[in-house]
Every structure is written in C-alpha cells, then in structure tokens.
Amino acid sequence: MINIKILIKKFLKNNFENLYEIIYILLFNIILRRKKDYTFRGWGLQTTTSLPWTEDVKNKTSKKFIENVKILDEKIKQREFYLAQITNHYENSSFEDVFKHYKTLSYRSYVIHFSSLLAFNNTKSKNIVECGSAEGLSTFFCIRNYYQDKDFKAYLYDSWEKMRAKELVNDEDLLRMGNYDYLNIDIIKKNLKEYEENIIYNKGFIPEVLNLNTTKNPEELSWLHIDLNSAFPTTKALEFFYPKIEKKGIILLDDYGHKNFSQTRVAAETFFQNKDVDFLQFMTGQAMIIKKS
C-alpha cells in the first residue's frame, strides 16, 4: 500500500505548488532545522553542486575567471569600480549590501567570461561590441580576456541616461521608461580607465546612434553582448551587427530568458529562426549563440 504521506505530498505538490513550498520550508528549515548546503544562491538560481570558481579547480577557464574576480573584488573594495546599478537598487542601503548583491551575479559573470573567452580563442578580429554597457561590469569580464591581444578594440554603445518611450514600443517595455536615470558615461570611463586606449564609446540610443556621423562602428567583430532591456533596440542591434560577426563568433543575450522580458525573447526567436547558428540558453536567463557560417 502506498504510504499516506507520499499521497499527500504528491497531491500538494501537483495541485498547490506554492503551499507545498511553504510547508516544506516550515517543516524542514524551521521545525526540524534541516538546511540544504547551498553552494550558490542568486540571480534566480540555487544549487548544491560544485561551482566553477572554487579554489580547488585546476582547469584554465575557471582559474582565469577566479583571477579576474579577485581583481574586480579588490577594485570594488577600494572604491575604484563603482557598481552604479546595484548601488541604486532599492534594497541596498550599505556597501555590504552592494557587495553581497554583486556576488549573486557570479554565474552571470561566469557566462560572460566563458562566452568571451570562447570567442577570443576562435576568431581573428579581436573586436568586441556591447550594447547596453551601463557601468561596465559585464565589459570588465570580457575585456580581461581580450586584453591578451594589445590591439583589441571594445566598441561600447549606451545612452548612459534614462530610458525613453521612443525605443519602448510595447506595453511590457514601456514600464521601464525612466529607468537608469542615475547612469552617466563618466562612471564607466572611470571604472575602465586602464583600458581606455582600446575602448570606443558610442553614446546614444539604439538604433539611431548606429548611423550617426560621430559613431565609430567596427567592420567585423568576434563577440557581441546585448543587454538593452527592451525588444525593439535588441532587434535593431542584431540586424546591424549580425552580418559583421565572424564565423564562430558569439552573441550573448542578457535578457533572453527572464519572464519580464518576454518580448525580447520573442524578438530574438524571430531573428534567429532561420539563421545558421548553435543556440544555448542558460539557467541564468542568458542565451549564447554561436554563428556557424
């Protein structure tokens, strides 16, 4: 005979999932004091598995990431790298809050590291493009890989001001109008000052900035990161830069898998449906696309 506890558990889990989770937390975490040994919790993820950035790893990919994290950690602690987005998050009231929040982005940063390293090792141009660079957190992890080639160029595109209605063409994206009003280009220039000779800053809203006489665009590129928090500019960035991406070059989409960016996901799926690419979605919500031809 099936155990009655198993029947109740299955019934609750299948029909009242949220209630089941509450009962589980109350019973095991509070009443019985059982705690899972989570190795990572953040960015919508939690796991008990080994992490790719623990000190016991020996592979070069992880060791390089650990090295870069240590460098950035120290810069942040010494107030040499300002985390503008995290600092302005409504829940963070102290430096300790900011630093803890930053650490919850570790898997996201690892994906950026891995994708840019893969692109660097398999392409020739050594040009990178980032659409939506903000304060340069993502840029840092990419540049640390491309800096192996002293002639690399990083083409960064951002308005570095609050989002406006013109680019927010659907109801979901319009909810973000006015966001990022605390950003300005001086923050990222200060954060990435040691790489300034290799960086081209293109200030303006996508798509209009792509065609300004003052904008410097690459002829070809090996890595493209899009983090624009809106569907229309994402599509326009893909249309403009995809032909320039080398074979085996990589596109990394930041907003692809998050529920509140559903229209960005639709835009990406529409764009790539007939493209010759390999497409991988991560549990972080990011998506990595490798151009095959």
C-alpha atoms as a PDB file:
ATOM      1  CA  MET A   1       0.000   0.000   0.000  1.00  0.00           C
ATOM      2  CA  ILE A   2       1.260   3.451  -0.905  1.00  0.00           C
ATOM      3  CA  ASN A   3       2.291   5.450   2.146  1.00  0.00           C
ATOM      4  CA  ILE A   4      -0.352   8.068   3.009  1.00  0.00           C
ATOM      5  CA  LYS A   5       2.376  10.709   3.459  1.00  0.00           C
ATOM      6  CA  ILE A   6       3.550  10.136  -0.095  1.00  0.00           C
ATOM      7  CA  LEU A   7      -0.006  10.521  -1.408  1.00  0.00           C
ATOM      8  CA  ILE A   8      -0.472  13.798   0.482  1.00  0.00           C
ATOM      9  CA  LYS A   9       2.913  15.048  -0.695  1.00  0.00           C
ATOM     10  CA  LYS A  10       2.122  14.273  -4.343  1.00  0.00           C
ATOM     11  CA  PHE A  11      -1.315  15.849  -4.084  1.00  0.00           C
ATOM     12  CA  LEU A  12       0.006  19.093  -2.607  1.00  0.00           C
ATOM     13  CA  LYS A  13       2.970  19.272  -4.974  1.00  0.00           C
ATOM     14  CA  ASN A  14       0.835  18.695  -8.065  1.00  0.00           C
ATOM     15  CA  ASN A  15      -2.115  20.887  -7.123  1.00  0.00           C
ATOM     16  CA  PHE A  16      -0.833  23.500  -4.667  1.00  0.00           C
ATOM     17  CA  GLU A  17       2.821  24.001  -5.517  1.00  0.00           C
ATOM     18  CA  ASN A  18       3.250  27.288  -3.624  1.00  0.00           C
ATOM     19  CA  LEU A  19       1.583  25.896  -0.497  1.00  0.00           C
ATOM     20  CA  TYR A  20       3.807  22.820  -0.737  1.00  0.00           C
ATOM     21  CA  GLU A  21       6.928  25.011  -0.824  1.00  0.00           C
ATOM     22  CA  ILE A  22       5.761  26.956   2.252  1.00  0.00           C
ATOM     23  CA  ILE A  23       5.065  23.756   4.196  1.00  0.00           C
ATOM     24  CA  TYR A  24       8.427  22.336   3.121  1.00  0.00           C
ATOM     25  CA  ILE A  25      10.289  25.410   4.342  1.00  0.00           C
ATOM     26  CA  LEU A  26       8.392  25.497   7.637  1.00  0.00           C
ATOM     27  CA  LEU A  27       8.845  21.812   8.332  1.00  0.00           C
ATOM     28  CA  PHE A  28      12.430  21.207   7.303  1.00  0.00           C
ATOM     29  CA  ASN A  29      14.108  24.609   7.697  1.00  0.00           C
ATOM     30  CA  ILE A  30      12.337  25.858  10.829  1.00  0.00           C
ATOM     31  CA  ILE A  31      10.731  22.997  12.731  1.00  0.00           C
ATOM     32  CA  LEU A  32      13.271  20.248  12.003  1.00  0.00           C
ATOM     33  CA  ARG A  33      16.159  22.683  11.469  1.00  0.00           C
ATOM     34  CA  ARG A  34      17.347  20.907   8.362  1.00  0.00           C
ATOM     35  CA  LYS A  35      19.240  23.119   5.968  1.00  0.00           C
ATOM     36  CA  LYS A  36      20.381  22.386   2.453  1.00  0.00           C
ATOM     37  CA  ASP A  37      24.038  23.038   1.857  1.00  0.00           C
ATOM     38  CA  TYR A  38      23.606  25.524  -0.956  1.00  0.00           C
ATOM     39  CA  THR A  39      26.817  26.388  -2.736  1.00  0.00           C
ATOM     40  CA  PHE A  40      25.224  29.284  -4.616  1.00  0.00           C
ATOM     41  CA  ARG A  41      22.047  31.314  -4.385  1.00  0.00           C
ATOM     42  CA  GLY A  42      21.390  34.261  -6.644  1.00  0.00           C
ATOM     43  CA  TRP A  43      20.100  35.544  -9.979  1.00  0.00           C
ATOM     44  CA  GLY A  44      17.086  33.235  -9.700  1.00  0.00           C
ATOM     45  CA  LEU A  45      19.293  30.200  -9.105  1.00  0.00           C
ATOM     46  CA  GLN A  46      20.125  27.971  -6.190  1.00  0.00           C
ATOM     47  CA  THR A  47      22.276  24.864  -6.276  1.00  0.00           C
ATOM     48  CA  THR A  48      24.116  22.404  -4.071  1.00  0.00           C
ATOM     49  CA  THR A  49      26.525  21.397  -6.843  1.00  0.00           C
ATOM     50  CA  SER A  50      30.207  22.307  -7.064  1.00  0.00           C
ATOM     51  CA  LEU A  51      30.944  25.741  -8.509  1.00  0.00           C
ATOM     52  CA  PRO A  52      33.310  26.526 -11.394  1.00  0.00           C
ATOM     53  CA  TRP A  53      35.136  29.193  -9.376  1.00  0.00           C
ATOM     54  CA  THR A  54      36.128  27.339  -6.192  1.00  0.00           C
ATOM     55  CA  GLU A  55      39.794  27.306  -5.225  1.00  0.00           C
ATOM     56  CA  ASP A  56      40.215  23.559  -5.906  1.00  0.00           C
ATOM     57  CA  VAL A  57      39.562  23.816  -9.667  1.00  0.00           C
ATOM     58  CA  LYS A  58      42.519  23.264 -11.983  1.00  0.00           C
ATOM     59  CA  ASN A  59      41.156  23.996 -15.476  1.00  0.00           C
ATOM     60  CA  LYS A  60      42.439  27.167 -17.135  1.00  0.00           C
ATOM     61  CA  THR A  61      38.993  28.597 -17.887  1.00  0.00           C
ATOM     62  CA  SER A  62      37.943  28.637 -14.243  1.00  0.00           C
ATOM     63  CA  LYS A  63      41.341  29.727 -12.960  1.00  0.00           C
ATOM     64  CA  LYS A  64      41.259  32.745 -15.275  1.00  0.00           C
ATOM     65  CA  PHE A  65      37.788  33.635 -14.031  1.00  0.00           C
ATOM     66  CA  ILE A  66      38.913  33.361 -10.397  1.00  0.00           C
ATOM     67  CA  GLU A  67      41.848  35.644 -11.170  1.00  0.00           C
ATOM     68  CA  ASN A  68      39.574  38.243 -12.773  1.00  0.00           C
ATOM     69  CA  VAL A  69      37.073  38.093  -9.917  1.00  0.00           C
ATOM     70  CA  LYS A  70      39.821  38.725  -7.375  1.00  0.00           C
ATOM     71  CA  ILE A  71      40.997  41.749  -9.340  1.00  0.00           C
ATOM     72  CA  LEU A  72      37.492  43.186  -9.570  1.00  0.00           C
ATOM     73  CA  ASP A  73      36.678  42.414  -5.925  1.00  0.00           C
ATOM     74  CA  GLU A  74      39.666  44.433  -4.846  1.00  0.00           C
ATOM     75  CA  LYS A  75      38.769  47.334  -7.151  1.00  0.00           C
ATOM     76  CA  ILE A  76      35.263  47.419  -5.710  1.00  0.00           C
ATOM     77  CA  LYS A  77      36.513  47.284  -2.128  1.00  0.00           C
ATOM     78  CA  GLN A  78      38.987  50.085  -2.827  1.00  0.00           C
ATOM     79  CA  ARG A  79      36.157  52.140  -4.401  1.00  0.00           C
ATOM     80  CA  GLU A  80      37.947  52.058  -7.762  1.00  0.00           C
ATOM     81  CA  PHE A  81      34.984  50.413  -9.522  1.00  0.00           C
ATOM     82  CA  TYR A  82      31.540  51.851  -8.851  1.00  0.00           C
ATOM     83  CA  LEU A  83      28.624  49.413  -9.173  1.00  0.00           C
ATOM     84  CA  ALA A  84      26.061  52.008 -10.201  1.00  0.00           C
ATOM     85  CA  GLN A  85      23.132  49.695 -10.908  1.00  0.00           C
ATOM     86  CA  ILE A  86      23.497  47.658  -7.725  1.00  0.00           C
ATOM     87  CA  THR A  87      24.169  50.701  -5.548  1.00  0.00           C
ATOM     88  CA  ASN A  88      20.944  52.297  -6.814  1.00  0.00           C
ATOM     89  CA  HIS A  89      18.878  49.161  -6.183  1.00  0.00           C
ATOM     90  CA  TYR A  90      16.172  49.981  -3.656  1.00  0.00           C
ATOM     91  CA  GLU A  91      17.087  47.116  -1.280  1.00  0.00           C
ATOM     92  CA  ASN A  92      20.740  48.098  -0.882  1.00  0.00           C
ATOM     93  CA  SER A  93      21.488  50.608   1.868  1.00  0.00           C
ATOM     94  CA  SER A  94      25.139  49.868   2.660  1.00  0.00           C
ATOM     95  CA  PHE A  95      28.356  48.846   0.947  1.00  0.00           C
ATOM     96  CA  GLU A  96      27.966  45.378   2.461  1.00  0.00           C
ATOM     97  CA  ASP A  97      24.546  45.086   0.785  1.00  0.00           C
ATOM     98  CA  VAL A  98      26.029  46.166  -2.546  1.00  0.00           C
ATOM     99  CA  PHE A  99      28.925  43.724  -2.392  1.00  0.00           C
ATOM    100  CA  LYS A 100      26.676  40.829  -1.391  1.00  0.00           C
ATOM    101  CA  HIS A 101      24.296  41.664  -4.245  1.00  0.00           C
ATOM    102  CA  TYR A 102      27.228  41.779  -6.683  1.00  0.00           C
ATOM    103  CA  LYS A 103      28.225  38.262  -5.614  1.00  0.00           C
ATOM    104  CA  THR A 104      24.761  36.944  -6.517  1.00  0.00           C
ATOM    105  CA  LEU A 105      25.645  37.773 -10.139  1.00  0.00           C
ATOM    106  CA  SER A 106      28.605  35.369 -10.189  1.00  0.00           C
ATOM    107  CA  TYR A 107      27.024  32.814 -12.529  1.00  0.00           C
ATOM    108  CA  ARG A 108      26.026  35.572 -14.923  1.00  0.00           C
ATOM    109  CA  SER A 109      29.589  36.888 -14.864  1.00  0.00           C
ATOM    110  CA  TYR A 110      30.944  33.385 -15.418  1.00  0.00           C
ATOM    111  CA  VAL A 111      28.825  33.009 -18.567  1.00  0.00           C
ATOM    112  CA  ILE A 112      30.168  36.336 -19.840  1.00  0.00           C
ATOM    113  CA  HIS A 113      33.693  35.162 -19.089  1.00  0.00           C
ATOM    114  CA  PHE A 114      33.237  31.801 -20.793  1.00  0.00           C
ATOM    115  CA  SER A 115      31.490  33.144 -23.901  1.00  0.00           C
ATOM    116  CA  SER A 116      34.042  35.899 -24.485  1.00  0.00           C
ATOM    117  CA  LEU A 117      36.966  33.530 -23.935  1.00  0.00           C
ATOM    118  CA  LEU A 118      35.437  31.105 -26.448  1.00  0.00           C
ATOM    119  CA  ALA A 119      35.027  33.905 -28.992  1.00  0.00           C
ATOM    120  CA  PHE A 120      38.557  35.193 -28.413  1.00  0.00           C
ATOM    121  CA  ASN A 121      40.068  31.757 -28.995  1.00  0.00           C
ATOM    122  CA  ASN A 122      38.104  31.035 -32.178  1.00  0.00           C
ATOM    123  CA  THR A 123      38.042  34.318 -34.114  1.00  0.00           C
ATOM    124  CA  LYS A 124      40.543  36.727 -35.649  1.00  0.00           C
ATOM    125  CA  SER A 125      39.310  40.313 -35.420  1.00  0.00           C
ATOM    126  CA  LYS A 126      39.539  40.697 -31.631  1.00  0.00           C
ATOM    127  CA  ASN A 127      36.817  43.325 -31.818  1.00  0.00           C
ATOM    128  CA  ILE A 128      34.007  43.238 -29.272  1.00  0.00           C
ATOM    129  CA  VAL A 129      30.705  45.103 -29.187  1.00  0.00           C
ATOM    130  CA  GLU A 130      28.490  45.670 -26.199  1.00  0.00           C
ATOM    131  CA  CYS A 131      25.058  47.250 -26.495  1.00  0.00           C
ATOM    132  CA  GLY A 132      23.993  48.395 -23.053  1.00  0.00           C
ATOM    133  CA  SER A 133      27.257  48.724 -21.137  1.00  0.00           C
ATOM    134  CA  ALA A 134      25.968  50.690 -18.117  1.00  0.00           C
ATOM    135  CA  GLU A 135      28.828  50.986 -15.602  1.00  0.00           C
ATOM    136  CA  GLY A 136      30.992  48.351 -17.312  1.00  0.00           C
ATOM    137  CA  LEU A 137      30.575  45.292 -15.069  1.00  0.00           C
ATOM    138  CA  SER A 138      29.982  42.894 -17.977  1.00  0.00           C
ATOM    139  CA  THR A 139      32.530  44.735 -20.083  1.00  0.00           C
ATOM    140  CA  PHE A 140      35.216  44.129 -17.478  1.00  0.00           C
ATOM    141  CA  PHE A 141      34.951  40.337 -17.640  1.00  0.00           C
ATOM    142  CA  CYS A 142      35.101  40.358 -21.439  1.00  0.00           C
ATOM    143  CA  ILE A 143      37.958  42.825 -21.681  1.00  0.00           C
ATOM    144  CA  ARG A 144      40.031  40.795 -19.240  1.00  0.00           C
ATOM    145  CA  ASN A 145      40.062  38.015 -21.855  1.00  0.00           C
ATOM    146  CA  TYR A 146      40.623  40.216 -24.904  1.00  0.00           C
ATOM    147  CA  TYR A 147      43.374  42.202 -23.223  1.00  0.00           C
ATOM    148  CA  GLN A 148      45.708  39.324 -24.134  1.00  0.00           C
ATOM    149  CA  ASP A 149      45.789  40.983 -27.572  1.00  0.00           C
ATOM    150  CA  LYS A 150      47.003  44.548 -27.096  1.00  0.00           C
ATOM    151  CA  ASP A 151      45.316  45.604 -30.359  1.00  0.00           C
ATOM    152  CA  PHE A 152      41.802  44.552 -29.361  1.00  0.00           C
ATOM    153  CA  LYS A 153      39.004  47.101 -29.621  1.00  0.00           C
ATOM    154  CA  ALA A 154      35.887  47.356 -27.492  1.00  0.00           C
ATOM    155  CA  TYR A 155      33.000  49.269 -29.088  1.00  0.00           C
ATOM    156  CA  LEU A 156      30.558  50.224 -26.337  1.00  0.00           C
ATOM    157  CA  TYR A 157      27.061  51.549 -27.033  1.00  0.00           C
ATOM    158  CA  ASP A 158      24.728  53.048 -24.450  1.00  0.00           C
ATOM    159  CA  SER A 159      22.640  56.148 -23.909  1.00  0.00           C
ATOM    160  CA  TRP A 160      24.039  56.425 -20.383  1.00  0.00           C
ATOM    161  CA  GLU A 161      20.829  58.166 -19.394  1.00  0.00           C
ATOM    162  CA  LYS A 162      17.265  57.215 -18.560  1.00  0.00           C
ATOM    163  CA  MET A 163      15.238  55.048 -20.935  1.00  0.00           C
ATOM    164  CA  ARG A 164      12.780  56.928 -23.139  1.00  0.00           C
ATOM    165  CA  ALA A 165       9.465  55.997 -24.758  1.00  0.00           C
ATOM    166  CA  LYS A 166      10.699  56.180 -28.363  1.00  0.00           C
ATOM    167  CA  GLU A 167      12.507  52.815 -28.169  1.00  0.00           C
ATOM    168  CA  LEU A 168       9.949  51.134 -25.895  1.00  0.00           C
ATOM    169  CA  VAL A 169       7.389  50.038 -28.443  1.00  0.00           C
ATOM    170  CA  ASN A 170       5.325  47.544 -26.413  1.00  0.00           C
ATOM    171  CA  ASP A 171       3.438  47.732 -23.116  1.00  0.00           C
ATOM    172  CA  GLU A 172       5.903  45.476 -21.298  1.00  0.00           C
ATOM    173  CA  ASP A 173       8.913  47.604 -22.200  1.00  0.00           C
ATOM    174  CA  LEU A 174       7.111  50.899 -21.575  1.00  0.00           C
ATOM    175  CA  LEU A 175       7.064  50.003 -17.887  1.00  0.00           C
ATOM    176  CA  ARG A 176      10.819  50.690 -17.896  1.00  0.00           C
ATOM    177  CA  MET A 177      10.555  54.254 -19.147  1.00  0.00           C
ATOM    178  CA  GLY A 178      12.713  56.475 -16.952  1.00  0.00           C
ATOM    179  CA  ASN A 179      14.872  53.636 -15.634  1.00  0.00           C
ATOM    180  CA  TYR A 180      18.651  54.143 -15.276  1.00  0.00           C
ATOM    181  CA  ASP A 181      18.442  57.887 -14.752  1.00  0.00           C
ATOM    182  CA  TYR A 182      21.467  57.588 -12.438  1.00  0.00           C
ATOM    183  CA  LEU A 183      23.824  56.449 -15.216  1.00  0.00           C
ATOM    184  CA  ASN A 184      26.324  58.673 -16.970  1.00  0.00           C
ATOM    185  CA  ILE A 185      29.260  57.947 -19.234  1.00  0.00           C
ATOM    186  CA  ASP A 186      31.826  59.238 -16.739  1.00  0.00           C
ATOM    187  CA  ILE A 187      31.138  56.281 -14.418  1.00  0.00           C
ATOM    188  CA  ILE A 188      32.145  53.640 -16.958  1.00  0.00           C
ATOM    189  CA  LYS A 189      35.089  55.688 -18.198  1.00  0.00           C
ATOM    190  CA  LYS A 190      36.447  55.830 -14.667  1.00  0.00           C
ATOM    191  CA  ASN A 191      35.749  52.143 -13.991  1.00  0.00           C
ATOM    192  CA  LEU A 192      37.568  51.034 -17.170  1.00  0.00           C
ATOM    193  CA  LYS A 193      40.219  53.742 -17.264  1.00  0.00           C
ATOM    194  CA  GLU A 194      43.163  51.322 -17.522  1.00  0.00           C
ATOM    195  CA  TYR A 195      41.756  50.029 -20.839  1.00  0.00           C
ATOM    196  CA  GLU A 196      40.806  53.432 -22.280  1.00  0.00           C
ATOM    197  CA  GLU A 197      43.201  53.214 -25.248  1.00  0.00           C
ATOM    198  CA  ASN A 198      41.290  50.171 -26.513  1.00  0.00           C
ATOM    199  CA  ILE A 199      37.743  51.419 -25.927  1.00  0.00           C
ATOM    200  CA  ILE A 200      35.467  53.365 -28.288  1.00  0.00           C
ATOM    201  CA  TYR A 201      32.452  54.895 -26.550  1.00  0.00           C
ATOM    202  CA  ASN A 202      29.387  55.486 -28.733  1.00  0.00           C
ATOM    203  CA  LYS A 203      26.842  57.442 -26.723  1.00  0.00           C
ATOM    204  CA  GLY A 204      23.238  57.425 -27.860  1.00  0.00           C
ATOM    205  CA  PHE A 205      20.076  55.389 -28.186  1.00  0.00           C
ATOM    206  CA  ILE A 206      19.956  52.316 -30.412  1.00  0.00           C
ATOM    207  CA  PRO A 207      19.134  52.274 -33.297  1.00  0.00           C
ATOM    208  CA  GLU A 208      19.762  55.955 -34.066  1.00  0.00           C
ATOM    209  CA  VAL A 209      23.308  56.004 -32.638  1.00  0.00           C
ATOM    210  CA  LEU A 210      24.354  53.284 -35.087  1.00  0.00           C
ATOM    211  CA  ASN A 211      24.046  55.690 -38.017  1.00  0.00           C
ATOM    212  CA  LEU A 212      25.379  58.927 -36.573  1.00  0.00           C
ATOM    213  CA  ASN A 213      28.370  60.530 -38.315  1.00  0.00           C
ATOM    214  CA  THR A 214      30.172  60.673 -34.982  1.00  0.00           C
ATOM    215  CA  THR A 215      29.747  56.954 -34.271  1.00  0.00           C
ATOM    216  CA  LYS A 216      32.646  54.579 -34.882  1.00  0.00           C
ATOM    217  CA  ASN A 217      31.420  51.097 -35.805  1.00  0.00           C
ATOM    218  CA  PRO A 218      33.608  48.022 -36.361  1.00  0.00           C
ATOM    219  CA  GLU A 219      33.877  46.396 -39.784  1.00  0.00           C
ATOM    220  CA  GLU A 220      33.856  42.957 -38.154  1.00  0.00           C
ATOM    221  CA  LEU A 221      33.619  41.584 -34.648  1.00  0.00           C
ATOM    222  CA  SER A 222      34.011  38.388 -32.693  1.00  0.00           C
ATOM    223  CA  TRP A 223      31.805  38.893 -29.616  1.00  0.00           C
ATOM    224  CA  LEU A 224      28.513  40.789 -29.273  1.00  0.00           C
ATOM    225  CA  HIS A 225      26.776  41.332 -25.956  1.00  0.00           C
ATOM    226  CA  ILE A 226      23.251  42.776 -25.943  1.00  0.00           C
ATOM    227  CA  ASP A 227      21.717  43.963 -22.676  1.00  0.00           C
ATOM    228  CA  LEU A 228      19.215  46.619 -23.724  1.00  0.00           C
ATOM    229  CA  ASN A 229      16.213  45.666 -21.566  1.00  0.00           C
ATOM    230  CA  SER A 230      13.856  46.182 -24.497  1.00  0.00           C
ATOM    231  CA  ALA A 231      12.794  44.294 -27.610  1.00  0.00           C
ATOM    232  CA  PHE A 232      12.944  46.876 -30.425  1.00  0.00           C
ATOM    233  CA  PRO A 233      16.559  48.027 -29.827  1.00  0.00           C
ATOM    234  CA  THR A 234      17.585  44.374 -29.413  1.00  0.00           C
ATOM    235  CA  THR A 235      16.222  43.537 -32.851  1.00  0.00           C
ATOM    236  CA  LYS A 236      17.882  46.580 -34.416  1.00  0.00           C
ATOM    237  CA  ALA A 237      21.224  45.747 -32.812  1.00  0.00           C
ATOM    238  CA  LEU A 238      21.029  42.180 -34.129  1.00  0.00           C
ATOM    239  CA  GLU A 239      20.118  43.371 -37.627  1.00  0.00           C
ATOM    240  CA  PHE A 240      23.026  45.806 -37.681  1.00  0.00           C
ATOM    241  CA  PHE A 241      25.791  43.714 -36.125  1.00  0.00           C
ATOM    242  CA  TYR A 242      24.971  40.132 -37.138  1.00  0.00           C
ATOM    243  CA  PRO A 243      26.400  40.493 -40.691  1.00  0.00           C
ATOM    244  CA  LYS A 244      29.628  41.796 -39.160  1.00  0.00           C
ATOM    245  CA  ILE A 245      30.152  38.846 -36.824  1.00  0.00           C
ATOM    246  CA  GLU A 246      32.856  36.406 -37.874  1.00  0.00           C
ATOM    247  CA  LYS A 247      32.275  32.707 -38.339  1.00  0.00           C
ATOM    248  CA  LYS A 248      32.437  31.091 -34.864  1.00  0.00           C
ATOM    249  CA  GLY A 249      31.783  34.500 -33.341  1.00  0.00           C
ATOM    250  CA  ILE A 250      29.434  34.679 -30.382  1.00  0.00           C
ATOM    251  CA  ILE A 251      26.338  36.682 -29.466  1.00  0.00           C
ATOM    252  CA  LEU A 252      25.336  36.798 -25.812  1.00  0.00           C
ATOM    253  CA  LEU A 253      21.826  37.967 -24.944  1.00  0.00           C
ATOM    254  CA  ASP A 254      21.366  39.021 -21.333  1.00  0.00           C
ATOM    255  CA  ASP A 255      17.581  39.367 -21.155  1.00  0.00           C
ATOM    256  CA  TYR A 256      16.512  36.344 -23.194  1.00  0.00           C
ATOM    257  CA  GLY A 257      15.032  34.049 -20.552  1.00  0.00           C
ATOM    258  CA  HIS A 258      13.547  36.375 -17.945  1.00  0.00           C
ATOM    259  CA  LYS A 259       9.752  36.474 -17.658  1.00  0.00           C
ATOM    260  CA  ASN A 260       9.570  40.258 -17.538  1.00  0.00           C
ATOM    261  CA  PHE A 261      11.460  40.426 -20.842  1.00  0.00           C
ATOM    262  CA  SER A 262       9.135  38.149 -22.800  1.00  0.00           C
ATOM    263  CA  GLN A 263       9.017  40.472 -25.812  1.00  0.00           C
ATOM    264  CA  THR A 264      12.810  40.473 -26.037  1.00  0.00           C
ATOM    265  CA  ARG A 265      12.698  36.675 -26.131  1.00  0.00           C
ATOM    266  CA  VAL A 266      10.126  36.793 -28.950  1.00  0.00           C
ATOM    267  CA  ALA A 267      12.308  39.254 -30.858  1.00  0.00           C
ATOM    268  CA  ALA A 268      15.366  37.011 -30.510  1.00  0.00           C
ATOM    269  CA  GLU A 269      13.474  33.884 -31.549  1.00  0.00           C
ATOM    270  CA  THR A 270      12.105  35.671 -34.598  1.00  0.00           C
ATOM    271  CA  PHE A 271      15.539  36.913 -35.616  1.00  0.00           C
ATOM    272  CA  PHE A 272      17.360  33.603 -35.238  1.00  0.00           C
ATOM    273  CA  GLN A 273      14.690  31.225 -36.530  1.00  0.00           C
ATOM    274  CA  ASN A 274      16.339  30.815 -39.948  1.00  0.00           C
ATOM    275  CA  LYS A 275      19.946  31.634 -39.044  1.00  0.00           C
ATOM    276  CA  ASP A 276      22.763  29.077 -39.210  1.00  0.00           C
ATOM    277  CA  VAL A 277      23.661  29.140 -35.533  1.00  0.00           C
ATOM    278  CA  ASP A 278      24.004  26.986 -32.440  1.00  0.00           C
ATOM    279  CA  PHE A 279      21.754  28.313 -29.668  1.00  0.00           C
ATOM    280  CA  LEU A 280      22.186  27.656 -25.947  1.00  0.00           C
ATOM    281  CA  GLN A 281      20.026  29.076 -23.168  1.00  0.00           C
ATOM    282  CA  PHE A 282      21.473  29.169 -19.654  1.00  0.00           C
ATOM    283  CA  MET A 283      19.593  28.894 -16.371  1.00  0.00           C
ATOM    284  CA  THR A 284      20.703  32.482 -15.705  1.00  0.00           C
ATOM    285  CA  GLY A 285      18.311  33.669 -18.428  1.00  0.00           C
ATOM    286  CA  GLN A 286      21.189  34.458 -20.774  1.00  0.00           C
ATOM    287  CA  ALA A 287      21.429  32.898 -24.227  1.00  0.00           C
ATOM    288  CA  MET A 288      24.661  32.222 -26.122  1.00  0.00           C
ATOM    289  CA  ILE A 289      24.540  31.978 -29.920  1.00  0.00           C
ATOM    290  CA  ILE A 290      27.463  30.746 -31.992  1.00  0.00           C
ATOM    291  CA  LYS A 291      27.487  31.823 -35.636  1.00  0.00           C
ATOM    292  CA  LYS A 292      28.272  28.810 -37.831  1.00  0.00           C
ATOM    293  CA  SER A 293      28.627  30.476 -41.234  1.00  0.00           C
END
